[in-house]
Amino acid sequence: MIYLSDQRFSRLRVSLSELILSQHVKEVKRRFLPNLRGRSFRAAILMKKLLAALLTLGLLTAGCGDEKKSVEQPTEARSAQRFDLNDVGDGTYTAESSRDEKLGLSQITLTVEDHRITSAEFVGYDLFGNRKDEEYGSLTGKDSADYRKAQVAVKANGEYAKQLVETQSLDEVDAISGATISYNQFVETVNKAVGAQR
């Protein structure tokens, strides 16, 4: 399965829209321009308006999109969410996720007392091993879309850990739109930390 970042998906959507638009313009030109040769000035203006409308429609289609789309949890993450704390003794457990080739890895530290998770800390690290914090993604400026998207993932890390402590169930932790890779890493690390103690 291939996962695309929101930014890559946007670029792909724009490229596809441009391709579709260019195909429509070519088709309109192929069908109507030969018929307009030698026709009135009014027909030529009508043709230009039609082309302008198609162009506008293409641009609107390319620009449409909601950053807050709902996220379907990937099946492999769902299937691995069941865990039982009855076999886990008291202690502090740490696990690390597999490394994402573009976004780095994550680490969780769970504290278990009386078969309950009493605290959880989930932290992301970039490709250089730097902790993802309020500066993460600010390379292009704190008012950029990249920074806002990066901060969604940083905030989601804390939210995932908080939900796990509150609900005591990985099934009850909701994936947050824009932080799917973090969510998958969260599921992976919780299962590793708990699974290793059985």
Protein backbone atom coordinates (compact mmCIF):
# COMPACT_ATOMS: atom_id res chain seq x y z
CA MET A 1 0.00 0.00 0.00
CA ILE A 2 1.35 3.47 -0.84
CA TYR A 3 0.84 6.37 1.54
CA LEU A 4 1.15 9.93 0.25
CA SER A 5 1.72 12.96 2.43
CA ASP A 6 -0.92 15.69 2.19
CA GLN A 7 1.55 17.87 0.32
CA ARG A 8 2.38 15.15 -2.23
CA PHE A 9 -1.29 14.34 -2.63
CA SER A 10 -2.02 18.02 -3.31
CA ARG A 11 0.72 18.20 -5.93
CA LEU A 12 -0.53 15.00 -7.54
CA ARG A 13 -4.11 16.31 -7.56
CA VAL A 14 -2.98 19.60 -9.15
CA SER A 15 -0.91 17.74 -11.77
CA LEU A 16 -3.83 15.47 -12.62
CA SER A 17 -6.18 18.45 -12.85
CA GLU A 18 -3.76 20.25 -15.15
CA LEU A 19 -3.48 17.15 -17.31
CA ILE A 20 -7.26 16.74 -17.48
CA LEU A 21 -7.68 20.45 -18.20
CA SER A 22 -5.07 20.38 -20.96
CA GLN A 23 -6.79 17.36 -22.50
CA HIS A 24 -10.14 19.20 -22.42
CA VAL A 25 -8.64 22.31 -24.01
CA LYS A 26 -7.02 20.18 -26.74
CA GLU A 27 -10.30 18.38 -27.36
CA VAL A 28 -12.25 21.67 -27.52
CA LYS A 29 -9.70 23.10 -29.93
CA ARG A 30 -9.75 19.93 -32.04
CA ARG A 31 -13.53 19.86 -32.29
CA PHE A 32 -14.47 23.52 -32.50
CA LEU A 33 -11.58 25.51 -33.94
CA PRO A 34 -11.75 24.00 -37.42
CA ASN A 35 -15.46 24.88 -37.52
CA LEU A 36 -14.77 28.47 -36.46
CA ARG A 37 -12.31 29.27 -39.22
CA GLY A 38 -13.95 31.79 -41.48
CA ARG A 39 -16.84 32.25 -39.03
CA SER A 40 -17.90 35.45 -37.41
CA PHE A 41 -16.00 37.43 -34.86
CA ARG A 42 -18.77 36.59 -32.38
CA ALA A 43 -18.07 32.85 -32.70
CA ALA A 44 -14.37 33.42 -32.01
CA ILE A 45 -15.20 35.38 -28.85
CA LEU A 46 -17.60 32.64 -27.77
CA MET A 47 -14.81 30.11 -28.23
CA LYS A 48 -12.43 32.18 -26.11
CA LYS A 49 -15.04 32.45 -23.37
CA LEU A 50 -15.55 28.69 -23.46
CA LEU A 51 -11.81 28.11 -23.15
CA ALA A 52 -11.61 30.62 -20.28
CA ALA A 53 -14.48 28.86 -18.50
CA LEU A 54 -12.75 25.48 -18.88
CA LEU A 55 -9.53 26.95 -17.57
CA THR A 56 -11.30 28.48 -14.57
CA LEU A 57 -13.08 25.22 -13.85
CA GLY A 58 -9.78 23.37 -13.99
CA LEU A 59 -8.12 25.80 -11.59
CA LEU A 60 -11.04 25.61 -9.17
CA THR A 61 -10.94 21.82 -9.27
CA ALA A 62 -7.20 21.81 -8.64
CA GLY A 63 -7.54 24.19 -5.71
CA CYS A 64 -10.43 22.47 -3.99
CA GLY A 65 -9.64 20.30 -1.01
CA ASP A 66 -10.18 20.18 2.69
CA GLU A 67 -7.14 19.87 4.92
CA LYS A 68 -9.29 18.32 7.62
CA LYS A 69 -10.32 15.18 5.80
CA SER A 70 -11.33 12.21 7.85
CA VAL A 71 -8.67 9.55 8.16
CA GLU A 72 -9.45 5.90 7.76
CA GLN A 73 -7.23 3.88 10.03
CA PRO A 74 -5.11 1.47 7.99
CA THR A 75 -6.13 -2.17 8.36
CA GLU A 76 -2.71 -3.38 9.47
CA ALA A 77 -2.77 -0.86 12.31
CA ARG A 78 -6.29 -1.87 13.31
CA SER A 79 -5.56 -5.58 13.41
CA ALA A 80 -2.63 -5.09 15.78
CA GLN A 81 -4.49 -2.94 18.33
CA ARG A 82 -5.68 -5.60 20.76
CA PHE A 83 -3.55 -6.00 23.85
CA ASP A 84 -4.07 -7.31 27.35
CA LEU A 85 -2.44 -5.69 30.36
CA ASN A 86 -3.31 -8.60 32.69
CA ASP A 87 -0.04 -10.33 31.76
CA VAL A 88 2.06 -7.17 32.11
CA GLY A 89 3.78 -6.53 35.41
CA ASP A 90 4.40 -3.18 37.02
CA GLY A 91 7.20 -1.19 35.47
CA THR A 92 8.25 1.30 32.83
CA TYR A 93 8.48 0.02 29.28
CA THR A 94 9.98 1.70 26.25
CA ALA A 95 9.73 0.81 22.56
CA GLU A 96 10.82 2.41 19.32
CA SER A 97 8.96 2.41 16.01
CA SER A 98 10.40 1.49 12.66
CA ARG A 99 11.92 4.46 10.84
CA ASP A 100 9.86 6.27 8.22
CA GLU A 101 12.18 7.18 5.33
CA LYS A 102 11.04 10.82 5.31
CA LEU A 103 9.71 11.59 8.77
CA GLY A 104 11.92 9.64 11.17
CA LEU A 105 10.79 7.45 14.04
CA SER A 106 8.91 7.59 17.33
CA GLN A 107 9.41 6.24 20.82
CA ILE A 108 6.96 5.47 23.60
CA THR A 109 7.52 5.12 27.33
CA LEU A 110 4.69 3.44 29.23
CA THR A 111 4.36 3.13 32.99
CA VAL A 112 2.17 0.24 34.13
CA GLU A 113 0.89 -0.16 37.71
CA ASP A 114 -1.70 -2.73 38.80
CA HIS A 115 -2.28 -3.75 35.17
CA ARG A 116 -3.17 -0.19 34.18
CA ILE A 117 -1.23 2.33 32.11
CA THR A 118 -0.65 5.22 34.51
CA SER A 119 1.45 7.35 32.17
CA ALA A 120 2.49 7.39 28.57
CA GLU A 121 4.93 9.60 26.71
CA PHE A 122 5.04 9.37 22.94
CA VAL A 123 7.78 11.36 21.21
CA GLY A 124 8.74 11.72 17.56
CA TYR A 125 12.28 12.14 16.24
CA ASP A 126 13.22 13.53 12.83
CA LEU A 127 15.68 11.85 10.47
CA PHE A 128 18.62 13.46 12.28
CA GLY A 129 17.52 12.20 15.69
CA ASN A 130 16.22 15.57 16.89
CA ARG A 131 13.12 15.52 19.05
CA LYS A 132 10.06 16.91 17.25
CA ASP A 133 8.90 19.93 19.24
CA GLU A 134 7.42 23.41 18.67
CA GLU A 135 10.29 24.17 16.27
CA TYR A 136 9.71 21.08 14.12
CA GLY A 137 8.81 22.07 10.55
CA SER A 138 9.73 25.74 11.03
CA LEU A 139 12.47 25.68 8.39
CA THR A 140 10.14 27.39 5.89
CA GLY A 141 8.77 29.78 8.52
CA LYS A 142 6.23 29.44 11.29
CA ASP A 143 3.46 30.85 9.12
CA SER A 144 3.94 28.25 6.37
CA ALA A 145 1.63 25.34 5.59
CA ASP A 146 4.52 22.90 6.12
CA TYR A 147 5.00 24.15 9.67
CA ARG A 148 1.28 23.88 10.45
CA LYS A 149 1.17 20.31 9.12
CA ALA A 150 4.28 19.33 11.06
CA GLN A 151 2.80 20.76 14.24
CA VAL A 152 -0.39 18.73 13.75
CA ALA A 153 1.76 15.59 14.06
CA VAL A 154 3.67 16.94 17.08
CA LYS A 155 0.43 17.77 18.91
CA ALA A 156 -1.08 14.44 17.88
CA ASN A 157 1.78 12.58 19.58
CA GLY A 158 0.77 14.03 22.95
CA GLU A 159 -2.91 13.46 22.23
CA TYR A 160 -2.39 9.78 21.36
CA ALA A 161 -0.57 9.18 24.66
CA LYS A 162 -3.24 11.07 26.62
CA GLN A 163 -6.07 9.07 25.00
CA LEU A 164 -4.31 5.78 25.77
CA VAL A 165 -3.99 6.63 29.48
CA GLU A 166 -7.61 7.80 29.63
CA THR A 167 -9.17 4.86 27.79
CA GLN A 168 -6.69 2.05 28.63
CA SER A 169 -7.44 0.72 25.15
CA LEU A 170 -5.59 1.13 21.90
CA ASP A 171 -8.91 0.57 20.12
CA GLU A 172 -10.23 3.78 21.67
CA VAL A 173 -7.36 5.97 20.48
CA ASP A 174 -8.55 7.94 17.48
CA ALA A 175 -6.29 8.66 14.52
CA ILE A 176 -5.91 12.38 13.89
CA SER A 177 -6.11 13.73 10.37
CA GLY A 178 -2.70 14.87 9.17
CA ALA A 179 -0.87 12.59 11.62
CA THR A 180 -1.47 9.13 10.19
CA ILE A 181 2.18 8.11 10.13
CA SER A 182 2.49 9.16 13.77
CA TYR A 183 -0.63 7.12 14.55
CA ASN A 184 0.78 4.02 12.86
CA GLN A 185 4.06 4.47 14.74
CA PHE A 186 2.10 4.91 17.97
CA VAL A 187 0.21 1.64 17.46
CA GLU A 188 3.45 -0.13 16.59
CA THR A 189 5.33 1.13 19.65
CA VAL A 190 2.52 0.39 22.12
CA ASN A 191 2.24 -3.15 20.79
CA LYS A 192 6.02 -3.61 21.00
CA ALA A 193 6.22 -2.22 24.55
CA VAL A 194 3.31 -4.28 25.86
CA GLY A 195 3.98 -7.35 23.73
CA ALA A 196 7.58 -7.68 24.88
CA GLN A 197 6.42 -7.99 28.51
CA ARG A 198 4.11 -10.98 28.03
